[in-house]
Amino acid sequence: MSAASFTPPRRLPWLLLISALDFLADRLTKSWVVAHIPIGGAIPVIPRVLRITHWLNEGAAFSLFADSASPHAVRWGLIAFTLLAALAVLIAMIRLGSRFTLTTVALALILGGALGNVHDRIAYGSVVDFIEVHIFTYHWPDFNVADSSIVTGACLLLLDSLLPDRHAEPAS
């Protein structure tokens, strides 16, 4: 078999597994919070730093649009945007899915997170947020596993864009 006819094994199934495990972790943690903590309640994990809470976010990131005059339109707009973004990420994963890179792992995390939050919006009309962080006097808005995956994926994409391209030809 010549080197020209060699095709590397597809890594797409493993990348999709990352997305599925991410989605599952998000669903399990949100289900646990809903079953064990009343809305507005909290369990301290590290006093004055980290609590597990139970909040419903009807808006976008940082509760943007949550107080909209037309919450139904915001909900369906966010669902449509998220599904289109998830489709774009999936297409990119299919095209790049022959190997593990920072980019493909980042896309897998983003896909799993996007599907986790869009599931909540479709099924319940809002997203369960439950991780509350305080750093000195700063309070970070509550978030969830899906949000963490999306942000981690975005950071990995940024990091990958800053790293030198190992496949580029050296300048002569």
Protein backbone atom coordinates (compact mmCIF):
# COMPACT_ATOMS: atom_id res chain seq x y z
CA MET A 1 0.00 0.00 0.00
CA SER A 2 1.55 3.30 -1.05
CA ALA A 3 1.75 6.33 1.20
CA ALA A 4 -0.39 8.28 -1.28
CA SER A 5 -3.32 5.89 -0.82
CA PHE A 6 -3.09 5.82 2.99
CA THR A 7 -6.00 7.52 4.71
CA PRO A 8 -5.64 8.19 8.41
CA PRO A 9 -8.34 6.64 10.59
CA ARG A 10 -11.30 8.89 11.26
CA ARG A 11 -11.41 10.35 14.74
CA LEU A 12 -14.92 11.74 14.27
CA PRO A 13 -16.62 8.97 16.31
CA TRP A 14 -14.33 9.76 19.26
CA LEU A 15 -14.96 13.48 18.90
CA LEU A 16 -18.71 12.82 18.83
CA LEU A 17 -18.25 10.70 21.96
CA ILE A 18 -16.67 13.71 23.67
CA SER A 19 -19.73 15.77 22.69
CA ALA A 20 -22.09 13.05 23.92
CA LEU A 21 -20.28 12.69 27.27
CA ASP A 22 -20.31 16.47 27.65
CA PHE A 23 -24.07 16.52 26.96
CA LEU A 24 -24.61 13.64 29.41
CA ALA A 25 -22.60 15.35 32.18
CA ASP A 26 -24.63 18.52 31.63
CA ARG A 27 -27.95 16.65 31.75
CA LEU A 28 -27.00 14.63 34.85
CA THR A 29 -25.79 17.65 36.83
CA LYS A 30 -28.83 19.76 35.91
CA SER A 31 -31.18 16.88 36.79
CA TRP A 32 -29.46 16.45 40.16
CA VAL A 33 -29.78 20.17 40.92
CA VAL A 34 -33.47 20.24 39.94
CA ALA A 35 -34.17 17.20 42.15
CA HIS A 36 -32.19 18.34 45.20
CA ILE A 37 -32.12 22.14 45.39
CA PRO A 38 -35.21 24.37 45.34
CA ILE A 39 -35.14 27.31 42.92
CA GLY A 40 -33.16 30.07 44.61
CA GLY A 41 -31.58 27.62 47.07
CA ALA A 42 -27.87 26.94 47.45
CA ILE A 43 -25.39 24.47 48.89
CA PRO A 44 -22.04 26.00 49.93
CA VAL A 45 -19.04 24.05 48.59
CA ILE A 46 -16.25 26.48 49.51
CA PRO A 47 -17.64 29.18 51.81
CA ARG A 48 -17.68 32.68 50.25
CA VAL A 49 -16.17 31.26 47.01
CA LEU A 50 -18.26 28.47 45.45
CA ARG A 51 -21.88 27.39 45.84
CA ILE A 52 -24.18 25.00 44.00
CA THR A 53 -27.37 26.94 43.37
CA HIS A 54 -30.56 26.52 41.36
CA TRP A 55 -31.52 29.29 38.97
CA LEU A 56 -33.44 29.35 35.72
CA ASN A 57 -32.03 31.46 32.91
CA GLU A 58 -34.60 32.41 30.29
CA GLY A 59 -32.16 34.62 28.41
CA ALA A 60 -28.80 34.16 26.76
CA ALA A 61 -25.35 34.29 28.36
CA PHE A 62 -25.29 36.42 31.53
CA SER A 63 -29.14 36.46 31.37
CA LEU A 64 -29.11 38.81 28.38
CA PHE A 65 -32.65 39.31 27.04
CA ALA A 66 -34.16 37.56 30.10
CA ASP A 67 -36.39 40.56 30.81
CA SER A 68 -37.46 40.98 27.19
CA ALA A 69 -40.94 42.22 26.37
CA SER A 70 -41.31 39.17 24.10
CA PRO A 71 -39.75 36.21 25.95
CA HIS A 72 -41.34 33.69 23.57
CA ALA A 73 -39.58 35.30 20.58
CA VAL A 74 -36.29 35.43 22.49
CA ARG A 75 -36.58 31.75 23.43
CA TRP A 76 -37.21 30.60 19.86
CA GLY A 77 -34.59 32.99 18.49
CA LEU A 78 -32.00 31.54 20.87
CA ILE A 79 -33.07 28.00 19.93
CA ALA A 80 -32.77 28.75 16.20
CA PHE A 81 -29.39 30.46 16.61
CA THR A 82 -28.02 27.63 18.77
CA LEU A 83 -29.21 24.92 16.38
CA LEU A 84 -27.64 26.73 13.41
CA ALA A 85 -24.39 27.20 15.34
CA ALA A 86 -24.40 23.53 16.40
CA LEU A 87 -24.93 22.49 12.77
CA ALA A 88 -21.98 24.67 11.66
CA VAL A 89 -19.81 23.15 14.40
CA LEU A 90 -20.85 19.63 13.39
CA ILE A 91 -20.00 20.33 9.73
CA ALA A 92 -16.58 21.65 10.78
CA MET A 93 -16.04 18.54 12.92
CA ILE A 94 -16.93 16.29 9.98
CA ARG A 95 -14.47 18.12 7.74
CA LEU A 96 -11.68 18.13 10.32
CA GLY A 97 -12.52 14.83 12.01
CA SER A 98 -9.60 12.75 10.75
CA ARG A 99 -7.37 13.69 13.71
CA PHE A 100 -7.37 15.03 17.23
CA THR A 101 -6.27 18.65 17.44
CA LEU A 102 -7.01 21.51 19.79
CA THR A 103 -9.52 22.69 17.21
CA THR A 104 -11.42 19.41 16.88
CA VAL A 105 -11.57 18.83 20.65
CA ALA A 106 -12.71 22.45 21.11
CA LEU A 107 -15.46 21.94 18.54
CA ALA A 108 -16.56 18.73 20.29
CA LEU A 109 -16.86 20.58 23.60
CA ILE A 110 -18.75 23.46 21.99
CA LEU A 111 -21.17 21.06 20.28
CA GLY A 112 -21.90 19.15 23.49
CA GLY A 113 -22.44 22.36 25.44
CA ALA A 114 -24.65 23.93 22.80
CA LEU A 115 -26.82 20.81 22.64
CA GLY A 116 -27.07 20.71 26.44
CA ASN A 117 -28.40 24.25 26.69
CA VAL A 118 -30.66 24.03 23.62
CA HIS A 119 -32.18 20.85 25.07
CA ASP A 120 -33.23 22.83 28.17
CA ARG A 121 -34.65 25.69 26.11
CA ILE A 122 -36.74 23.34 23.96
CA ALA A 123 -37.88 21.03 26.76
CA TYR A 124 -38.34 23.51 29.64
CA GLY A 125 -38.24 27.03 28.21
CA SER A 126 -35.18 28.01 30.25
CA VAL A 127 -31.70 26.79 31.14
CA VAL A 128 -30.74 25.54 34.61
CA ASP A 129 -27.70 27.40 35.96
CA PHE A 130 -26.16 26.17 39.20
CA ILE A 131 -22.47 27.01 39.62
CA GLU A 132 -22.00 30.25 41.54
CA VAL A 133 -18.51 31.72 41.98
CA HIS A 134 -17.40 34.62 44.15
CA ILE A 135 -13.88 36.01 43.91
CA PHE A 136 -13.36 38.58 46.65
CA THR A 137 -16.19 41.09 46.04
CA TYR A 138 -16.84 39.96 42.46
CA HIS A 139 -19.78 37.64 41.76
CA TRP A 140 -19.64 35.73 38.48
CA PRO A 141 -23.09 35.06 36.97
CA ASP A 142 -24.28 31.51 37.65
CA PHE A 143 -23.48 28.98 34.93
CA ASN A 144 -23.59 25.24 34.19
CA VAL A 145 -21.54 22.40 32.66
CA ALA A 146 -22.71 23.27 29.13
CA ASP A 147 -21.61 26.89 29.56
CA SER A 148 -18.24 25.71 30.88
CA SER A 149 -17.77 23.46 27.86
CA ILE A 150 -18.61 26.24 25.41
CA VAL A 151 -16.21 28.66 27.09
CA THR A 152 -13.46 26.02 27.36
CA GLY A 153 -13.93 25.17 23.68
CA ALA A 154 -13.76 28.85 22.71
CA CYS A 155 -10.57 29.30 24.77
CA LEU A 156 -9.01 26.25 23.08
CA LEU A 157 -9.90 27.71 19.66
CA LEU A 158 -8.28 31.00 20.66
CA LEU A 159 -5.19 29.21 21.96
CA ASP A 160 -4.93 27.17 18.77
CA SER A 161 -5.17 30.33 16.68
CA LEU A 162 -2.26 31.84 18.62
CA LEU A 163 0.03 28.81 18.33
CA PRO A 164 2.38 28.58 15.35
CA ASP A 165 1.07 26.42 12.51
CA ARG A 166 3.13 23.22 12.64
CA HIS A 167 2.07 22.23 9.12
CA ALA A 168 3.05 25.47 7.43
CA GLU A 169 6.08 25.44 5.21
CA PRO A 170 9.05 27.39 6.65
CA ALA A 171 9.81 30.70 4.95
CA SER A 172 12.86 30.56 2.71
